[in-house]
Amino acid sequence: MSSQANIQDLLRLLTTGRKRISLIDAMARVKMLQTVNLGSIFDIASSDTKTLSTALGDEKVARSLLAACKLFIKEREMVAGEQHKRPATQSFSSAKRPRYLYELPTQPQTPVAMESSLQLPTECQDEVAIQRAELLTSHASLMLAFAVQLLKYTFPLQPLSSRLSLGLAAVSLYFDAMPRGKGKNVMIGESGYPQVRILGQDVSVLKRGSCKGPEKHHDEQDIIDADTATPSCESSVGQAATALRTQWTVSAPVVSKQSRFIARSIAITDASQATSNLRDLLANNEALLNASHNMMAWRVLGESGVILEGFQDDGETGGGRHILGLLRAQKLSGILLIVSRWYGGVFLGPDRWRIISQVSHDALSQRLRVKGRLGSEALWGLDLGSSGTGENSPLVISKPEEARVCLLKSFASPPLASHASRKGAQALRGSGAEENLELLLGALDLLFSSWAEHVSPDELDRKALAWYSRMRPKVSAGSRGWSDEGLVQLSGILALRKT
């Protein structure tokens, strides 16, 4: 996987200069390039037009990008030559450079300061102006706008920073799911993280400890429905969610050759609770005392931010280490996982690891299938397609700053007929983007508010996906047309309102 610094350099190159593109379109191109192992400016400069054309699907774009990367390296080497020769594989991020709009702040912000810095233009709900408005945008940018406004109604307790992060994560997940031809698809399996449904996508999320949304009314209840719930997010408020955290979740038993396996999981906050919870479980469950093995593993987040972990085989050599590996692979912490086995007299061989994994995933997944209203904790959207698959791979959070910049830059007015020349059209390319965003957000708000009181949040999400599919610009289908721009008439959005 490419380092974050290399990806930042490549995004900066794509989003600046004469042939710049929007950030979200640049992210889509980076993902395409990663399918052929081109994750940095140096990798691209060392490649050839044919390889780039295969990844991007456009020979003209490939030639332009190759030339830009070679020029970038040449200029950096000239600047660095007076001091020292930088190794070719070293990130360019350390070089002195101007700051661009999309770059993220390096200093920590308070929650209030963050929300203030992410404010979007005021929504315009002038229906006459909206009816007349036309704008140029891509599939990706329009989906992001739909998601950010939809979340005001499906998850109303989330602050703007969370809505931007969740919306960007949904767009990335949608792109990752697109077919790209043999051997090029991005594979994302079970994440082990809570999920929320956004525009038909089950987006993995991470709770934010430093930011809270509006407080919940006392009459709101959380509901647990592990059998019928769609993937949703574990709530931190309400009696049902509290019960889930303080009680064991138990897997369905699996029997193979007379050996019986059952897994249990419970939330813990420190290492001492692992031992005490196991002791209490055995003391109150006589059947477990008769088990041949009670393997366990646990992981918690220490005070210094370091993950603390441990395991116990209880006679099943390698058993505790195996289930600890499952927790690591899913990047879970604050969890104690116990797998009990009653030996049936027949050796299972390697098949026992498959069964241990099966019951473990069953017990863990029940902690994530929580249906109901979100509590006051805000969320980050996770981009698992960019997080890598190794146990030490960094977890990539979809940054709200990037989503905001994309929204501000991605809705230009179509060029006038009198400026049909290439130079004239290019001069007007970025005109009216923020004003168009005000109109688009206003149109979407009018649409969602007209339906919100008549359908459930889940139904509104399903309808929103259908509305997006209907309104997206008519360009090439699939990943090849993901960043292509086309015309969108906002009068079509108003026509979808409930009458």
Protein backbone atom coordinates (compact mmCIF):
# COMPACT_ATOMS: atom_id res chain seq x y z
CA MET A 1 0.00 0.00 0.00
CA SER A 2 1.24 3.48 -0.80
CA SER A 3 2.18 5.67 2.13
CA GLN A 4 -0.16 8.46 3.14
CA ALA A 5 2.55 11.00 2.25
CA ASN A 6 2.87 9.69 -1.30
CA ILE A 7 -0.90 9.72 -1.74
CA GLN A 8 -1.07 13.31 -0.47
CA ASP A 9 1.62 14.34 -2.98
CA LEU A 10 -0.22 12.67 -5.84
CA LEU A 11 -3.55 14.24 -4.85
CA ARG A 12 -1.88 17.65 -4.68
CA LEU A 13 -0.48 17.22 -8.19
CA LEU A 14 -3.88 16.24 -9.59
CA THR A 15 -5.80 19.05 -7.89
CA THR A 16 -3.51 21.96 -8.76
CA GLY A 17 -2.20 23.52 -11.94
CA ARG A 18 -3.80 24.28 -15.29
CA LYS A 19 -5.37 20.84 -15.73
CA ARG A 20 -6.51 20.42 -12.14
CA ILE A 21 -9.51 18.28 -11.27
CA SER A 22 -11.69 18.16 -8.17
CA LEU A 23 -10.40 16.35 -5.10
CA ILE A 24 -12.97 13.58 -5.21
CA ASP A 25 -12.21 12.93 -8.89
CA ALA A 26 -8.52 12.87 -8.01
CA MET A 27 -9.19 10.30 -5.29
CA ALA A 28 -10.98 8.15 -7.86
CA ARG A 29 -7.98 8.32 -10.19
CA VAL A 30 -5.60 7.43 -7.36
CA LYS A 31 -7.65 4.31 -6.66
CA MET A 32 -7.51 3.38 -10.36
CA LEU A 33 -3.73 3.83 -10.37
CA GLN A 34 -3.37 1.68 -7.26
CA THR A 35 -4.92 -1.26 -9.14
CA VAL A 36 -1.73 -1.40 -11.23
CA ASN A 37 0.56 -0.67 -8.25
CA LEU A 38 1.16 2.98 -9.12
CA GLY A 39 0.78 4.73 -5.78
CA SER A 40 3.22 7.63 -5.96
CA ILE A 41 4.45 10.33 -8.32
CA PHE A 42 7.77 8.49 -8.70
CA ASP A 43 6.00 5.22 -9.61
CA ILE A 44 3.98 6.98 -12.30
CA ALA A 45 7.00 8.82 -13.71
CA SER A 46 8.82 5.48 -13.99
CA SER A 47 5.87 3.89 -15.77
CA ASP A 48 4.76 4.23 -19.41
CA THR A 49 1.75 5.52 -21.32
CA LYS A 50 0.37 2.04 -22.02
CA THR A 51 0.25 1.06 -18.34
CA LEU A 52 -1.34 4.37 -17.37
CA SER A 53 -3.89 4.10 -20.18
CA THR A 54 -4.88 0.65 -18.94
CA ALA A 55 -5.49 2.01 -15.44
CA LEU A 56 -7.20 5.28 -16.39
CA GLY A 57 -8.97 4.22 -19.58
CA ASP A 58 -7.92 7.38 -21.42
CA GLU A 59 -4.66 7.66 -23.36
CA LYS A 60 -4.77 11.47 -23.48
CA VAL A 61 -5.15 11.72 -19.71
CA ALA A 62 -2.40 9.12 -19.27
CA ARG A 63 0.09 11.08 -21.40
CA SER A 64 -0.73 14.31 -19.57
CA LEU A 65 -0.29 12.71 -16.14
CA LEU A 66 2.99 11.04 -17.12
CA ALA A 67 4.40 14.37 -18.35
CA ALA A 68 3.25 16.18 -15.20
CA CYS A 69 4.88 13.60 -12.91
CA LYS A 70 8.19 13.72 -14.79
CA LEU A 71 8.18 17.53 -14.69
CA PHE A 72 7.39 17.48 -10.96
CA ILE A 73 10.38 15.24 -10.22
CA LYS A 74 12.69 17.31 -12.41
CA GLU A 75 11.72 20.56 -10.66
CA ARG A 76 12.13 19.04 -7.19
CA GLU A 77 15.55 17.64 -8.04
CA MET A 78 16.67 21.05 -9.29
CA VAL A 79 15.55 22.70 -6.03
CA ALA A 80 17.10 20.00 -3.85
CA GLY A 81 20.34 19.79 -5.85
CA GLU A 82 21.91 22.75 -4.06
CA GLN A 83 21.54 21.04 -0.68
CA HIS A 84 21.56 17.30 -1.18
CA LYS A 85 20.25 14.70 -3.56
CA ARG A 86 17.00 13.27 -2.25
CA PRO A 87 16.63 9.48 -2.75
CA ALA A 88 14.19 8.79 -5.56
CA THR A 89 11.86 6.71 -3.39
CA GLN A 90 11.62 9.29 -0.62
CA SER A 91 8.32 11.12 -0.18
CA PHE A 92 8.18 14.63 -1.61
CA SER A 93 6.07 15.81 1.35
CA SER A 94 9.10 17.12 3.23
CA ALA A 95 9.95 19.61 0.48
CA LYS A 96 8.98 23.22 1.07
CA ARG A 97 5.82 23.95 -0.85
CA PRO A 98 2.85 26.31 -0.84
CA ARG A 99 -0.25 25.32 1.06
CA TYR A 100 -3.33 24.53 -0.98
CA LEU A 101 -6.94 24.70 -0.02
CA TYR A 102 -7.45 20.98 0.33
CA GLU A 103 -4.63 20.43 2.83
CA LEU A 104 -5.69 19.56 6.34
CA PRO A 105 -4.84 21.67 9.41
CA THR A 106 -1.80 20.38 11.29
CA GLN A 107 -2.82 21.78 14.67
CA PRO A 108 -5.54 20.07 16.74
CA GLN A 109 -8.86 21.89 16.82
CA THR A 110 -11.55 22.00 19.44
CA PRO A 111 -14.89 20.47 18.36
CA VAL A 112 -16.46 23.94 18.17
CA ALA A 113 -13.61 25.31 16.05
CA MET A 114 -13.76 22.30 13.74
CA GLU A 115 -17.50 22.66 13.13
CA SER A 116 -17.06 26.37 12.48
CA SER A 117 -14.27 25.78 9.95
CA LEU A 118 -16.38 23.27 8.01
CA GLN A 119 -19.45 25.45 7.46
CA LEU A 120 -20.98 25.16 3.99
CA PRO A 121 -22.67 28.00 2.09
CA THR A 122 -26.18 28.82 3.30
CA GLU A 123 -28.80 26.75 1.51
CA CYS A 124 -30.85 28.73 -1.00
CA GLN A 125 -34.50 27.67 -1.01
CA ASP A 126 -35.67 30.15 -3.63
CA GLU A 127 -37.67 27.75 -5.79
CA VAL A 128 -37.71 30.11 -8.76
CA ALA A 129 -33.90 30.29 -8.79
CA ILE A 130 -33.60 26.54 -8.27
CA GLN A 131 -35.98 25.80 -11.15
CA ARG A 132 -33.74 27.75 -13.54
CA ALA A 133 -30.41 26.40 -12.29
CA GLU A 134 -28.18 24.09 -14.29
CA LEU A 135 -24.75 22.90 -13.24
CA LEU A 136 -21.87 20.73 -14.40
CA THR A 137 -20.76 17.96 -12.06
CA SER A 138 -19.69 14.33 -11.85
CA HIS A 139 -21.35 11.22 -10.44
CA ALA A 140 -19.04 11.28 -7.42
CA SER A 141 -19.61 14.92 -6.49
CA LEU A 142 -23.39 14.71 -6.87
CA MET A 143 -23.49 11.56 -4.72
CA LEU A 144 -21.51 13.36 -2.00
CA ALA A 145 -24.00 16.25 -1.97
CA PHE A 146 -26.92 13.79 -1.79
CA ALA A 147 -25.30 11.92 1.11
CA VAL A 148 -24.43 15.01 3.18
CA GLN A 149 -27.97 16.40 2.94
CA LEU A 150 -29.64 13.00 3.38
CA LEU A 151 -27.82 12.45 6.69
CA LYS A 152 -29.56 15.51 8.15
CA TYR A 153 -32.75 13.43 8.09
CA THR A 154 -31.60 9.81 8.48
CA PHE A 155 -29.04 10.57 11.25
CA PRO A 156 -30.08 14.00 12.56
CA LEU A 157 -27.87 13.87 15.67
CA GLN A 158 -24.65 13.87 13.66
CA PRO A 159 -22.73 17.19 13.42
CA LEU A 160 -21.68 18.59 10.05
CA SER A 161 -18.14 17.23 10.39
CA SER A 162 -19.52 13.71 10.77
CA ARG A 163 -21.96 14.11 7.89
CA LEU A 164 -19.11 15.20 5.61
CA SER A 165 -16.91 12.29 6.72
CA LEU A 166 -19.71 9.73 6.41
CA GLY A 167 -20.76 11.07 3.02
CA LEU A 168 -17.22 10.85 1.65
CA ALA A 169 -16.87 7.31 3.02
CA ALA A 170 -20.10 6.29 1.26
CA VAL A 171 -18.83 7.71 -2.04
CA SER A 172 -15.51 5.86 -1.69
CA LEU A 173 -17.31 2.61 -0.86
CA TYR A 174 -19.61 3.02 -3.86
CA PHE A 175 -16.60 3.52 -6.13
CA ASP A 176 -14.74 0.54 -4.63
CA ALA A 177 -17.74 -1.70 -5.40
CA MET A 178 -17.71 -0.82 -9.11
CA PRO A 179 -16.49 -3.55 -11.49
CA ARG A 180 -13.12 -2.71 -13.10
CA GLY A 181 -12.41 -5.79 -15.12
CA LYS A 182 -10.64 -9.02 -14.29
CA GLY A 183 -8.29 -8.80 -11.33
CA LYS A 184 -8.79 -5.09 -10.69
CA ASN A 185 -11.68 -4.95 -8.25
CA VAL A 186 -11.14 -3.61 -4.74
CA MET A 187 -12.08 -6.36 -2.30
CA ILE A 188 -13.46 -5.31 1.08
CA GLY A 189 -14.61 -8.06 3.40
CA GLU A 190 -16.23 -7.98 6.83
CA SER A 191 -14.76 -5.00 8.61
CA GLY A 192 -15.59 -5.86 12.21
CA TYR A 193 -16.69 -2.24 12.73
CA PRO A 194 -20.20 -0.93 13.33
CA GLN A 195 -21.90 0.15 10.14
CA VAL A 196 -24.53 2.67 9.05
CA ARG A 197 -26.57 2.54 5.87
CA ILE A 198 -25.97 5.54 3.57
CA LEU A 199 -27.38 5.55 0.03
CA GLY A 200 -27.59 1.78 0.05
CA GLN A 201 -23.98 1.32 1.22
CA ASP A 202 -23.08 -0.22 4.58
CA VAL A 203 -20.42 2.26 5.69
CA SER A 204 -18.07 1.22 8.49
CA VAL A 205 -17.77 3.87 11.20
CA LEU A 206 -15.65 4.79 14.18
CA LYS A 207 -16.90 6.59 17.27
CA ARG A 208 -15.40 9.98 18.03
CA GLY A 209 -14.49 10.53 21.65
CA SER A 210 -13.98 14.30 21.40
CA CYS A 211 -17.15 15.43 19.68
CA LYS A 212 -20.80 15.03 20.50
CA GLY A 213 -23.93 15.85 18.64
CA PRO A 214 -27.12 17.28 20.15
CA GLU A 215 -28.38 15.53 23.23
CA LYS A 216 -31.08 12.94 22.78
CA HIS A 217 -34.60 13.43 24.13
CA HIS A 218 -35.43 11.25 27.12
CA ASP A 219 -38.34 9.53 25.40
CA GLU A 220 -36.17 8.08 22.61
CA GLN A 221 -35.48 4.36 22.96
CA ASP A 222 -32.75 2.25 21.39
CA ILE A 223 -33.81 -1.09 19.96
CA ILE A 224 -31.74 -4.23 19.51
CA ASP A 225 -32.90 -6.53 16.73
CA ALA A 226 -30.04 -8.89 15.92
CA ASP A 227 -32.10 -11.10 13.61
CA THR A 228 -33.74 -8.54 11.35
CA ALA A 229 -31.65 -5.38 11.67
CA THR A 230 -29.77 -4.00 8.73
CA PRO A 231 -26.13 -3.14 9.56
CA SER A 232 -26.27 -0.10 11.78
CA CYS A 233 -24.26 1.58 14.49
CA GLU A 234 -23.85 0.58 18.13
CA SER A 235 -25.52 3.28 20.21
CA SER A 236 -23.98 4.71 23.34
CA VAL A 237 -27.24 5.99 24.85
CA GLY A 238 -30.28 4.03 26.01
CA GLN A 239 -30.97 1.03 28.20
CA ALA A 240 -30.76 -1.54 25.41
CA ALA A 241 -27.34 -0.40 24.24
CA THR A 242 -26.06 -0.31 27.82
CA ALA A 243 -27.27 -3.86 28.32
CA LEU A 244 -25.44 -4.95 25.20
CA ARG A 245 -22.15 -3.55 26.47
CA THR A 246 -22.46 -5.16 29.91
CA GLN A 247 -23.76 -8.56 28.79
CA TRP A 248 -22.21 -11.43 26.89
CA THR A 249 -23.10 -12.04 23.27
CA VAL A 250 -23.18 -15.75 22.48
CA SER A 251 -22.67 -17.45 19.13
CA ALA A 252 -24.74 -20.29 17.77
CA PRO A 253 -23.10 -23.62 18.72
CA VAL A 254 -21.21 -25.51 16.01
CA VAL A 255 -20.77 -29.30 16.28
CA SER A 256 -18.25 -31.24 14.21
CA LYS A 257 -17.37 -34.91 14.82
CA GLN A 258 -18.96 -34.67 18.28
CA SER A 259 -16.81 -31.67 19.28
CA ARG A 260 -18.89 -28.64 20.26
CA PHE A 261 -17.77 -24.99 19.95
CA ILE A 262 -19.40 -21.82 21.37
CA ALA A 263 -17.97 -18.28 21.45
CA ARG A 264 -18.81 -15.40 23.78
CA SER A 265 -17.78 -11.74 23.68
CA ILE A 266 -18.13 -8.82 26.07
CA ALA A 267 -16.90 -5.23 26.16
CA ILE A 268 -14.06 -4.41 28.57
CA THR A 269 -12.18 -1.20 29.34
CA ASP A 270 -8.97 -2.47 30.98
CA ALA A 271 -6.84 -5.60 31.21
CA SER A 272 -7.99 -6.55 34.71
CA GLN A 273 -11.56 -6.96 33.47
CA ALA A 274 -10.48 -9.78 31.16
CA THR A 275 -9.55 -12.03 34.09
CA SER A 276 -12.47 -10.97 36.29
CA ASN A 277 -15.05 -11.44 33.54
CA LEU A 278 -13.72 -14.92 32.73
CA ARG A 279 -13.78 -15.86 36.41
CA ASP A 280 -17.35 -14.60 36.85
CA LEU A 281 -18.49 -16.36 33.68
CA LEU A 282 -17.13 -19.72 34.82
CA ALA A 283 -18.53 -19.26 38.32
CA ASN A 284 -22.05 -18.64 37.00
CA ASN A 285 -22.06 -21.23 34.21
CA GLU A 286 -21.46 -24.78 35.36
CA ALA A 287 -21.45 -26.15 31.80
CA LEU A 288 -18.35 -24.12 30.98
CA LEU A 289 -16.47 -25.69 33.88
CA ASN A 290 -16.89 -29.02 32.09
CA ALA A 291 -15.55 -27.67 28.77
CA SER A 292 -12.30 -29.21 27.55
CA HIS A 293 -10.89 -25.76 26.73
CA ASN A 294 -11.92 -22.15 27.39
CA MET A 295 -9.62 -20.22 25.05
CA MET A 296 -9.63 -16.45 25.38
CA ALA A 297 -8.11 -13.29 23.92
CA TRP A 298 -8.59 -9.63 24.71
CA ARG A 299 -7.54 -6.19 23.46
CA VAL A 300 -7.97 -2.79 25.14
CA LEU A 301 -6.75 0.74 24.49
CA GLY A 302 -4.28 1.81 27.17
CA GLU A 303 -3.98 5.25 28.74
CA SER A 304 -1.09 6.22 26.45
CA GLY A 305 -3.04 5.21 23.35
CA VAL A 306 -1.14 1.91 22.96
CA ILE A 307 -3.13 -1.27 22.38
CA LEU A 308 -2.78 -3.77 25.25
CA GLU A 309 -3.61 -7.40 24.50
CA GLY A 310 -3.30 -10.93 25.81
CA PHE A 311 -4.49 -14.50 25.29
CA GLN A 312 -4.84 -17.87 27.00
CA ASP A 313 -4.86 -21.27 25.28
CA ASP A 314 -6.27 -23.30 28.20
CA GLY A 315 -4.79 -26.50 26.80
CA GLU A 316 -5.71 -25.93 23.13
CA THR A 317 -2.26 -25.11 21.78
CA GLY A 318 -2.42 -22.01 19.59
CA GLY A 319 -6.12 -21.45 20.29
CA GLY A 320 -5.80 -18.22 22.24
CA ARG A 321 -3.28 -16.82 19.79
CA HIS A 322 -5.63 -17.67 16.91
CA ILE A 323 -8.58 -15.72 18.31
CA LEU A 324 -6.27 -12.82 19.22
CA GLY A 325 -5.32 -12.77 15.55
CA LEU A 326 -9.01 -12.46 14.67
CA LEU A 327 -9.33 -9.38 16.90
CA ARG A 328 -6.19 -7.87 15.38
CA ALA A 329 -7.35 -8.52 11.82
CA GLN A 330 -10.62 -6.67 12.50
CA LYS A 331 -8.76 -3.89 14.37
CA LEU A 332 -11.04 -4.35 17.39
CA SER A 333 -10.26 -3.15 20.91
CA GLY A 334 -12.20 -3.04 24.16
CA ILE A 335 -13.27 -6.66 23.63
CA LEU A 336 -12.87 -9.96 25.49
CA LEU A 337 -13.52 -13.02 23.30
CA ILE A 338 -13.83 -16.55 24.72
CA VAL A 339 -14.24 -19.76 22.71
CA SER A 340 -15.26 -22.89 24.60
CA ARG A 341 -14.73 -26.38 23.18
CA TRP A 342 -16.07 -29.69 24.39
CA TYR A 343 -13.84 -32.36 22.84
CA GLY A 344 -15.77 -35.19 21.18
CA GLY A 345 -13.01 -37.79 21.03
CA VAL A 346 -12.09 -37.29 17.35
CA PHE A 347 -9.20 -35.09 16.20
CA LEU A 348 -10.37 -32.30 13.89
CA GLY A 349 -6.98 -31.20 12.65
CA PRO A 350 -6.82 -27.80 10.88
CA ASP A 351 -10.62 -27.72 10.56
CA ARG A 352 -10.84 -26.64 14.20
CA TRP A 353 -9.37 -23.24 13.27
CA ARG A 354 -12.14 -22.70 10.73
CA ILE A 355 -14.80 -23.51 13.33
CA ILE A 356 -13.17 -21.32 15.99
CA SER A 357 -13.15 -18.44 13.49
CA GLN A 358 -16.79 -19.10 12.57
CA VAL A 359 -18.17 -18.96 16.10
CA SER A 360 -15.91 -16.00 16.97
CA HIS A 361 -17.21 -13.92 14.05
CA ASP A 362 -20.77 -14.85 15.06
CA ALA A 363 -20.31 -13.60 18.64
CA LEU A 364 -18.50 -10.43 17.55
CA SER A 365 -20.98 -9.54 14.82
CA GLN A 366 -23.86 -9.55 17.31
CA ARG A 367 -22.24 -6.60 19.07
CA LEU A 368 -22.48 -4.64 15.82
CA ARG A 369 -26.04 -5.46 14.77
CA VAL A 370 -27.81 -2.75 16.76
CA LYS A 371 -30.86 -1.14 15.22
CA GLY A 372 -32.32 2.17 16.34
CA ARG A 373 -31.52 5.85 16.83
CA LEU A 374 -27.97 6.98 17.29
CA GLY A 375 -26.91 8.38 20.60
CA SER A 376 -25.09 11.63 21.17
CA GLU A 377 -21.68 10.34 20.06
CA ALA A 378 -20.51 11.59 16.69
CA LEU A 379 -18.98 9.27 14.09
CA TRP A 380 -16.19 9.15 11.55
CA GLY A 381 -16.63 7.33 8.25
CA LEU A 382 -13.93 4.76 7.48
CA ASP A 383 -12.39 4.25 4.03
CA LEU A 384 -11.49 0.58 4.35
CA GLY A 385 -10.63 0.36 0.67
CA SER A 386 -7.59 2.56 1.39
CA SER A 387 -6.74 1.04 4.79
CA GLY A 388 -4.87 -2.05 3.61
CA THR A 389 -5.41 -5.61 4.80
CA GLY A 390 -2.48 -6.27 7.13
CA GLU A 391 -2.91 -6.17 10.88
CA ASN A 392 -0.55 -3.17 11.14
CA SER A 393 -2.10 -1.26 8.25
CA PRO A 394 -3.18 2.27 9.20
CA LEU A 395 -6.90 2.94 9.48
CA VAL A 396 -7.97 5.62 6.99
CA ILE A 397 -10.69 8.00 8.18
CA SER A 398 -12.57 9.95 5.52
CA LYS A 399 -11.65 13.55 6.29
CA PRO A 400 -14.47 16.12 6.40
CA GLU A 401 -12.13 18.85 5.15
CA GLU A 402 -11.66 16.96 1.89
CA ALA A 403 -15.40 16.49 1.46
CA ARG A 404 -16.03 20.20 2.04
CA VAL A 405 -13.45 21.29 -0.53
CA CYS A 406 -14.91 18.87 -3.05
CA LEU A 407 -18.40 20.30 -2.56
CA LEU A 408 -17.16 23.88 -2.90
CA LYS A 409 -15.32 23.19 -6.17
CA SER A 410 -17.45 20.64 -8.02
CA PHE A 411 -20.60 22.41 -9.23
CA ALA A 412 -19.64 24.90 -11.93
CA SER A 413 -22.05 26.62 -14.28
CA PRO A 414 -22.08 25.37 -17.89
CA PRO A 415 -20.21 27.72 -20.27
CA LEU A 416 -22.35 30.16 -22.24
CA ALA A 417 -22.74 29.73 -25.99
CA SER A 418 -20.91 33.03 -26.51
CA HIS A 419 -17.87 31.50 -24.79
CA ALA A 420 -17.87 28.29 -26.75
CA SER A 421 -14.17 28.52 -27.60
CA ARG A 422 -11.87 26.33 -25.56
CA LYS A 423 -10.09 29.26 -23.92
CA GLY A 424 -13.35 31.05 -23.08
CA ALA A 425 -14.99 27.94 -21.69
CA GLN A 426 -11.95 27.18 -19.58
CA ALA A 427 -11.96 30.69 -18.15
CA LEU A 428 -15.52 30.21 -16.94
CA ARG A 429 -14.96 26.63 -15.77
CA GLY A 430 -14.97 27.42 -12.05
CA SER A 431 -17.47 30.25 -12.11
CA GLY A 432 -20.47 30.17 -9.81
CA ALA A 433 -19.48 26.95 -8.02
CA GLU A 434 -20.39 28.11 -4.51
CA GLU A 435 -23.62 29.77 -5.67
CA ASN A 436 -24.58 26.55 -7.44
CA LEU A 437 -23.81 24.58 -4.28
CA GLU A 438 -26.21 26.82 -2.34
CA LEU A 439 -28.94 26.04 -4.89
CA LEU A 440 -28.18 22.31 -4.96
CA LEU A 441 -28.18 21.96 -1.16
CA GLY A 442 -31.42 23.94 -1.01
CA ALA A 443 -33.07 21.73 -3.64
CA LEU A 444 -32.01 18.55 -1.82
CA ASP A 445 -33.22 19.93 1.51
CA LEU A 446 -36.63 20.73 0.02
CA LEU A 447 -36.79 17.21 -1.42
CA PHE A 448 -35.83 15.32 1.74
CA SER A 449 -37.92 17.48 4.08
CA SER A 450 -41.02 16.82 1.98
CA TRP A 451 -40.67 13.06 2.53
CA ALA A 452 -39.10 12.88 6.01
CA GLU A 453 -42.39 12.90 7.93
CA HIS A 454 -44.03 10.30 5.69
CA VAL A 455 -41.42 7.52 5.49
CA SER A 456 -38.93 5.87 7.83
CA PRO A 457 -35.22 6.79 7.70
CA ASP A 458 -34.46 3.44 6.04
CA GLU A 459 -37.10 4.03 3.37
CA LEU A 460 -35.86 7.59 2.83
CA ASP A 461 -32.36 6.21 2.28
CA ARG A 462 -33.65 3.77 -0.35
CA LYS A 463 -35.58 6.51 -2.11
CA ALA A 464 -32.57 8.84 -2.03
CA LEU A 465 -30.44 6.25 -3.84
CA ALA A 466 -33.09 5.94 -6.55
CA TRP A 467 -33.34 9.74 -6.84
CA TYR A 468 -29.57 10.05 -7.16
CA SER A 469 -29.51 7.40 -9.90
CA ARG A 470 -32.20 9.34 -11.74
CA MET A 471 -30.53 12.75 -11.42
CA ARG A 472 -26.86 11.89 -12.00
CA PRO A 473 -25.33 13.28 -15.21
CA LYS A 474 -25.55 11.22 -18.38
CA VAL A 475 -21.93 10.17 -18.86
CA SER A 476 -20.11 6.87 -19.29
CA ALA A 477 -21.30 4.12 -16.96
CA GLY A 478 -19.15 2.45 -14.31
CA SER A 479 -15.77 3.50 -12.96
CA ARG A 480 -14.64 4.96 -16.30
CA GLY A 481 -17.31 7.65 -16.15
CA TRP A 482 -17.13 8.23 -12.39
CA SER A 483 -15.25 11.52 -12.71
CA ASP A 484 -16.68 12.64 -16.08
CA GLU A 485 -18.86 15.74 -15.86
CA GLY A 486 -22.31 16.25 -17.28
CA LEU A 487 -25.29 18.58 -16.98
CA VAL A 488 -27.71 18.39 -14.03
CA GLN A 489 -30.95 20.42 -13.97
CA LEU A 490 -32.12 21.19 -10.44
CA SER A 491 -35.74 21.44 -11.55
CA GLY A 492 -35.65 17.63 -11.75
CA ILE A 493 -34.87 17.41 -8.02
CA LEU A 494 -37.82 19.65 -7.13
CA ALA A 495 -40.09 17.46 -9.27
CA LEU A 496 -39.34 14.50 -6.97
CA ARG A 497 -40.86 16.16 -3.88
CA LYS A 498 -43.86 14.61 -2.18
CA THR A 499 -47.02 16.49 -3.04
